[in-house]
Amino acid sequence: MSGGDLLAAGPVAVAILDGFPVNPGHTLIIPRRHVPGWFELSDDEQAAVWRLVPEIARLLEERHHPAGFNIGINCGRAAGQTVDHVHLHVIPRFTGDVDDPRGGVRWVIPARARYWDS
């Protein structure tokens, strides 16, 4: 399978493999309605995106056997959003894929991530 391959689909959202995966199985869940930001989606659309997360996690567990997941959305340029169509990342994590995974998504601002040293 390669980037863009369809993994799951519902009437409101779809899940595809990321074209530039950070780990094997990195998946994007994308609403069918094209809007740039998460907060522009209706409550129903947001719920539909989240409803696909467990299905994708089960699929990725079967195919890749990750030790965990990072799940997140980049909302706006300041948050790192580079594609103007909202999407949620499901990133499988594997033991040893980074030296020290503590802090997880806190590493979006590296200088403030290591709160445990304070």
N, C-alpha and C. Protein backbone atom coordinates (compact mmCIF):
# COMPACT_ATOMS: atom_id res chain seq x y z
N MET A 1 0.85 -1.18 0.00
CA MET A 1 0.00 0.00 0.00
C MET A 1 0.89 1.24 0.00
N SER A 2 0.35 2.31 -0.57
CA SER A 2 1.14 3.54 -0.64
C SER A 2 0.25 4.73 -0.30
N GLY A 3 0.88 5.90 -0.18
CA GLY A 3 0.16 7.12 0.16
C GLY A 3 -1.05 7.33 -0.72
N GLY A 4 -2.16 7.72 -0.09
CA GLY A 4 -3.38 7.97 -0.82
C GLY A 4 -4.31 6.77 -0.89
N ASP A 5 -3.80 5.58 -0.55
CA ASP A 5 -4.64 4.38 -0.59
C ASP A 5 -5.78 4.50 0.42
N LEU A 6 -6.98 4.20 0.00
CA LEU A 6 -8.17 4.28 0.83
C LEU A 6 -8.20 3.13 1.82
N LEU A 7 -8.32 3.44 3.11
CA LEU A 7 -8.39 2.42 4.15
C LEU A 7 -9.79 2.23 4.70
N ALA A 8 -10.57 3.32 4.73
CA ALA A 8 -11.94 3.26 5.25
C ALA A 8 -12.70 4.45 4.68
N ALA A 9 -14.01 4.28 4.59
CA ALA A 9 -14.83 5.37 4.07
C ALA A 9 -16.20 5.33 4.71
N GLY A 10 -16.70 6.51 5.01
CA GLY A 10 -18.05 6.67 5.49
C GLY A 10 -18.70 7.76 4.66
N PRO A 11 -19.95 8.07 4.93
CA PRO A 11 -20.64 9.09 4.14
C PRO A 11 -20.08 10.50 4.34
N VAL A 12 -19.39 10.73 5.45
CA VAL A 12 -18.92 12.09 5.79
C VAL A 12 -17.41 12.21 5.79
N ALA A 13 -16.68 11.10 5.98
CA ALA A 13 -15.23 11.15 6.08
C ALA A 13 -14.60 9.88 5.51
N VAL A 14 -13.34 10.02 5.11
CA VAL A 14 -12.57 8.89 4.58
C VAL A 14 -11.23 8.83 5.29
N ALA A 15 -10.58 7.67 5.21
CA ALA A 15 -9.25 7.49 5.77
C ALA A 15 -8.32 6.97 4.68
N ILE A 16 -7.18 7.65 4.53
CA ILE A 16 -6.19 7.26 3.53
C ILE A 16 -4.81 7.21 4.17
N LEU A 17 -3.92 6.45 3.56
CA LEU A 17 -2.53 6.46 4.01
C LEU A 17 -1.90 7.79 3.65
N ASP A 18 -1.10 8.32 4.56
CA ASP A 18 -0.40 9.58 4.34
C ASP A 18 0.63 9.41 3.22
N GLY A 19 0.73 10.39 2.35
CA GLY A 19 1.69 10.35 1.25
C GLY A 19 3.13 10.54 1.70
N PHE A 20 3.32 11.10 2.89
CA PHE A 20 4.65 11.34 3.45
C PHE A 20 4.67 10.83 4.89
N PRO A 21 4.53 9.51 5.08
CA PRO A 21 4.37 8.96 6.42
C PRO A 21 5.60 9.14 7.30
N VAL A 22 5.35 9.44 8.58
CA VAL A 22 6.45 9.50 9.54
C VAL A 22 6.74 8.13 10.13
N ASN A 23 5.80 7.21 10.03
CA ASN A 23 5.95 5.83 10.45
C ASN A 23 5.06 4.96 9.56
N PRO A 24 5.35 3.67 9.47
CA PRO A 24 4.48 2.79 8.68
C PRO A 24 3.04 2.84 9.18
N GLY A 25 2.10 2.99 8.25
CA GLY A 25 0.68 3.03 8.60
C GLY A 25 0.14 4.41 8.92
N HIS A 26 0.98 5.43 8.89
CA HIS A 26 0.52 6.81 9.17
C HIS A 26 -0.69 7.10 8.28
N THR A 27 -1.81 7.42 8.91
CA THR A 27 -3.08 7.56 8.21
C THR A 27 -3.68 8.94 8.44
N LEU A 28 -4.38 9.45 7.42
CA LEU A 28 -5.12 10.70 7.52
C LEU A 28 -6.60 10.39 7.45
N ILE A 29 -7.37 10.99 8.35
CA ILE A 29 -8.82 10.90 8.29
C ILE A 29 -9.30 12.27 7.85
N ILE A 30 -10.04 12.29 6.75
CA ILE A 30 -10.36 13.54 6.05
C ILE A 30 -11.87 13.65 5.86
N PRO A 31 -12.46 14.78 6.25
CA PRO A 31 -13.88 14.96 5.94
C PRO A 31 -14.07 15.11 4.44
N ARG A 32 -15.19 14.67 3.94
CA ARG A 32 -15.47 14.80 2.50
C ARG A 32 -15.69 16.26 2.10
N ARG A 33 -16.29 17.04 2.99
CA ARG A 33 -16.50 18.46 2.68
C ARG A 33 -15.17 19.18 2.82
N HIS A 34 -14.82 19.94 1.82
CA HIS A 34 -13.52 20.61 1.77
C HIS A 34 -13.59 21.94 2.52
N VAL A 35 -13.00 21.95 3.71
CA VAL A 35 -12.84 23.19 4.48
C VAL A 35 -11.42 23.20 5.03
N PRO A 36 -10.83 24.37 5.21
CA PRO A 36 -9.46 24.40 5.68
C PRO A 36 -9.29 24.05 7.15
N GLY A 37 -10.24 24.40 8.00
CA GLY A 37 -10.00 24.25 9.44
C GLY A 37 -10.99 23.38 10.17
N TRP A 38 -10.50 22.75 11.23
CA TRP A 38 -11.29 21.87 12.08
C TRP A 38 -12.54 22.57 12.61
N PHE A 39 -12.40 23.81 13.02
CA PHE A 39 -13.50 24.52 13.65
C PHE A 39 -14.54 25.02 12.64
N GLU A 40 -14.29 24.81 11.37
CA GLU A 40 -15.27 25.10 10.32
C GLU A 40 -16.18 23.90 10.06
N LEU A 41 -15.83 22.75 10.57
CA LEU A 41 -16.67 21.56 10.42
C LEU A 41 -17.85 21.64 11.37
N SER A 42 -18.95 21.04 10.98
CA SER A 42 -20.09 20.94 11.88
C SER A 42 -19.77 19.92 12.98
N ASP A 43 -20.57 19.93 14.03
CA ASP A 43 -20.41 18.94 15.09
C ASP A 43 -20.53 17.52 14.53
N ASP A 44 -21.46 17.32 13.62
CA ASP A 44 -21.65 15.99 13.01
C ASP A 44 -20.43 15.57 12.20
N GLU A 45 -19.84 16.52 11.47
CA GLU A 45 -18.64 16.20 10.68
C GLU A 45 -17.47 15.87 11.60
N GLN A 46 -17.30 16.65 12.65
CA GLN A 46 -16.23 16.35 13.60
C GLN A 46 -16.42 14.97 14.21
N ALA A 47 -17.65 14.65 14.58
CA ALA A 47 -17.93 13.34 15.17
C ALA A 47 -17.65 12.21 14.17
N ALA A 48 -17.98 12.43 12.91
CA ALA A 48 -17.75 11.41 11.88
C ALA A 48 -16.26 11.14 11.71
N VAL A 49 -15.45 12.19 11.77
CA VAL A 49 -13.99 12.01 11.69
C VAL A 49 -13.52 11.17 12.87
N TRP A 50 -13.92 11.53 14.08
CA TRP A 50 -13.49 10.79 15.27
C TRP A 50 -14.00 9.35 15.27
N ARG A 51 -15.18 9.11 14.69
CA ARG A 51 -15.72 7.75 14.65
C ARG A 51 -14.83 6.79 13.85
N LEU A 52 -14.08 7.31 12.91
CA LEU A 52 -13.19 6.44 12.13
C LEU A 52 -11.90 6.07 12.87
N VAL A 53 -11.56 6.82 13.92
CA VAL A 53 -10.29 6.57 14.61
C VAL A 53 -10.19 5.14 15.15
N PRO A 54 -11.17 4.63 15.90
CA PRO A 54 -11.02 3.25 16.40
C PRO A 54 -10.90 2.20 15.29
N GLU A 55 -11.64 2.38 14.21
CA GLU A 55 -11.57 1.45 13.08
C GLU A 55 -10.16 1.45 12.49
N ILE A 56 -9.61 2.63 12.30
CA ILE A 56 -8.25 2.75 11.75
C ILE A 56 -7.23 2.19 12.72
N ALA A 57 -7.38 2.47 14.00
CA ALA A 57 -6.44 1.94 14.99
C ALA A 57 -6.44 0.42 14.97
N ARG A 58 -7.62 -0.20 14.91
CA ARG A 58 -7.69 -1.67 14.85
C ARG A 58 -6.99 -2.20 13.59
N LEU A 59 -7.24 -1.55 12.46
CA LEU A 59 -6.62 -1.96 11.20
C LEU A 59 -5.09 -1.86 11.29
N LEU A 60 -4.61 -0.75 11.82
CA LEU A 60 -3.16 -0.54 11.94
C LEU A 60 -2.54 -1.51 12.94
N GLU A 61 -3.28 -1.83 14.01
CA GLU A 61 -2.78 -2.82 14.97
C GLU A 61 -2.62 -4.18 14.30
N GLU A 62 -3.58 -4.56 13.45
CA GLU A 62 -3.49 -5.84 12.74
C GLU A 62 -2.33 -5.86 11.75
N ARG A 63 -2.14 -4.76 11.04
CA ARG A 63 -1.13 -4.73 9.96
C ARG A 63 0.27 -4.43 10.46
N HIS A 64 0.40 -3.58 11.49
CA HIS A 64 1.73 -3.08 11.86
C HIS A 64 2.14 -3.36 13.30
N HIS A 65 1.21 -3.72 14.17
CA HIS A 65 1.49 -4.05 15.56
C HIS A 65 2.23 -2.93 16.31
N PRO A 66 1.72 -1.69 16.25
CA PRO A 66 2.39 -0.60 16.96
C PRO A 66 2.26 -0.76 18.48
N ALA A 67 3.13 -0.08 19.19
CA ALA A 67 3.09 -0.07 20.65
C ALA A 67 2.19 1.06 21.16
N GLY A 68 1.82 2.01 20.30
CA GLY A 68 0.97 3.13 20.68
C GLY A 68 0.63 3.96 19.45
N PHE A 69 -0.02 5.10 19.70
CA PHE A 69 -0.42 6.01 18.63
C PHE A 69 -0.28 7.45 19.08
N ASN A 70 0.01 8.33 18.15
CA ASN A 70 -0.21 9.77 18.31
C ASN A 70 -1.37 10.11 17.38
N ILE A 71 -2.33 10.88 17.89
CA ILE A 71 -3.50 11.27 17.12
C ILE A 71 -3.63 12.78 17.25
N GLY A 72 -3.70 13.48 16.12
CA GLY A 72 -3.80 14.93 16.24
C GLY A 72 -4.14 15.64 14.95
N ILE A 73 -4.44 16.93 15.14
CA ILE A 73 -4.85 17.80 14.04
C ILE A 73 -4.03 19.08 14.13
N ASN A 74 -3.45 19.51 13.02
CA ASN A 74 -2.78 20.79 12.95
C ASN A 74 -3.81 21.83 12.49
N CYS A 75 -4.12 22.77 13.36
CA CYS A 75 -5.15 23.78 13.07
C CYS A 75 -4.49 25.13 12.85
N GLY A 76 -4.30 25.50 11.59
CA GLY A 76 -3.72 26.79 11.25
C GLY A 76 -2.22 26.72 10.99
N ARG A 77 -1.73 27.70 10.26
CA ARG A 77 -0.31 27.75 9.89
C ARG A 77 0.61 27.76 11.11
N ALA A 78 0.24 28.51 12.15
CA ALA A 78 1.09 28.59 13.34
C ALA A 78 1.21 27.24 14.04
N ALA A 79 0.24 26.36 13.81
CA ALA A 79 0.27 25.02 14.40
C ALA A 79 0.89 23.99 13.44
N GLY A 80 1.40 24.45 12.31
CA GLY A 80 2.06 23.56 11.38
C GLY A 80 1.21 23.05 10.24
N GLN A 81 -0.02 23.53 10.09
CA GLN A 81 -0.87 23.07 9.00
C GLN A 81 -0.31 23.55 7.67
N THR A 82 -0.09 22.62 6.74
CA THR A 82 0.47 22.96 5.43
C THR A 82 -0.50 22.64 4.29
N VAL A 83 -1.55 21.89 4.57
CA VAL A 83 -2.56 21.53 3.58
C VAL A 83 -3.86 22.21 3.98
N ASP A 84 -4.47 22.95 3.06
CA ASP A 84 -5.68 23.70 3.38
C ASP A 84 -6.95 22.88 3.27
N HIS A 85 -6.90 21.65 3.75
CA HIS A 85 -8.08 20.79 3.89
C HIS A 85 -7.88 20.04 5.20
N VAL A 86 -8.74 20.31 6.16
CA VAL A 86 -8.58 19.73 7.49
C VAL A 86 -8.43 18.21 7.41
N HIS A 87 -7.56 17.66 8.25
CA HIS A 87 -7.37 16.22 8.33
C HIS A 87 -6.79 15.87 9.69
N LEU A 88 -7.12 14.68 10.16
CA LEU A 88 -6.64 14.18 11.44
C LEU A 88 -5.59 13.10 11.17
N HIS A 89 -4.46 13.20 11.86
CA HIS A 89 -3.39 12.22 11.72
C HIS A 89 -3.55 11.10 12.75
N VAL A 90 -3.42 9.87 12.31
CA VAL A 90 -3.29 8.72 13.20
C VAL A 90 -1.92 8.13 12.90
N ILE A 91 -1.00 8.30 13.85
CA ILE A 91 0.39 7.91 13.62
C ILE A 91 0.75 6.74 14.54
N PRO A 92 0.96 5.56 13.97
CA PRO A 92 1.41 4.44 14.79
C PRO A 92 2.79 4.73 15.38
N ARG A 93 2.98 4.33 16.62
CA ARG A 93 4.27 4.52 17.28
C ARG A 93 4.84 3.16 17.67
N PHE A 94 6.14 3.04 17.55
CA PHE A 94 6.82 1.78 17.79
C PHE A 94 7.92 1.98 18.82
N THR A 95 8.09 1.01 19.67
CA THR A 95 9.16 1.07 20.66
C THR A 95 10.48 1.30 19.94
N GLY A 96 11.19 2.36 20.33
CA GLY A 96 12.48 2.66 19.74
C GLY A 96 12.43 3.55 18.52
N ASP A 97 11.24 4.01 18.07
CA ASP A 97 11.21 4.86 16.87
C ASP A 97 11.79 6.25 17.15
N VAL A 98 11.86 6.65 18.40
CA VAL A 98 12.63 7.82 18.84
C VAL A 98 13.33 7.43 20.13
N ASP A 99 14.40 8.13 20.47
CA ASP A 99 15.16 7.79 21.67
C ASP A 99 14.33 7.87 22.94
N ASP A 100 13.53 8.94 23.10
CA ASP A 100 12.74 9.14 24.31
C ASP A 100 11.39 9.72 23.92
N PRO A 101 10.34 8.90 23.88
CA PRO A 101 9.05 9.38 23.43
C PRO A 101 8.26 10.18 24.47
N ARG A 102 8.79 10.30 25.69
CA ARG A 102 8.03 11.03 26.72
C ARG A 102 7.66 12.42 26.22
N GLY A 103 6.46 12.82 26.55
CA GLY A 103 5.97 14.14 26.15
C GLY A 103 5.15 14.10 24.88
N GLY A 104 5.34 13.09 24.04
CA GLY A 104 4.52 12.94 22.83
C GLY A 104 4.32 14.22 22.05
N VAL A 105 3.07 14.66 21.93
CA VAL A 105 2.75 15.83 21.12
C VAL A 105 3.31 17.13 21.70
N ARG A 106 3.76 17.10 22.94
CA ARG A 106 4.37 18.30 23.53
C ARG A 106 5.61 18.74 22.74
N TRP A 107 6.19 17.84 21.96
CA TRP A 107 7.41 18.17 21.21
C TRP A 107 7.16 19.10 20.03
N VAL A 108 5.93 19.55 19.83
CA VAL A 108 5.69 20.55 18.79
C VAL A 108 6.40 21.85 19.14
N ILE A 109 6.69 22.06 20.42
CA ILE A 109 7.52 23.19 20.87
C ILE A 109 8.65 22.59 21.71
N PRO A 110 9.73 22.19 21.05
CA PRO A 110 10.79 21.42 21.72
C PRO A 110 11.35 22.07 22.98
N ALA A 111 11.53 23.37 22.99
CA ALA A 111 12.13 24.03 24.16
C ALA A 111 11.27 23.90 25.41
N ARG A 112 9.98 23.58 25.24
CA ARG A 112 9.08 23.48 26.40
C ARG A 112 8.58 22.06 26.64
N ALA A 113 9.06 21.11 25.88
CA ALA A 113 8.52 19.74 25.95
C ALA A 113 8.94 19.00 27.22
N ARG A 114 10.17 19.19 27.66
CA ARG A 114 10.71 18.39 28.77
C ARG A 114 10.29 18.96 30.13
N TYR A 115 9.01 18.97 30.42
CA TYR A 115 8.51 19.48 31.69
C TYR A 115 9.01 18.65 32.88
N TRP A 116 9.33 17.39 32.67
CA TRP A 116 9.76 16.51 33.75
C TRP A 116 11.13 16.88 34.29
N ASP A 117 11.89 17.74 33.60
CA ASP A 117 13.18 18.20 34.09
C ASP A 117 13.07 19.45 34.95
N SER A 118 11.88 20.02 35.03
CA SER A 118 11.70 21.28 35.77
C SER A 118 11.61 21.05 37.26
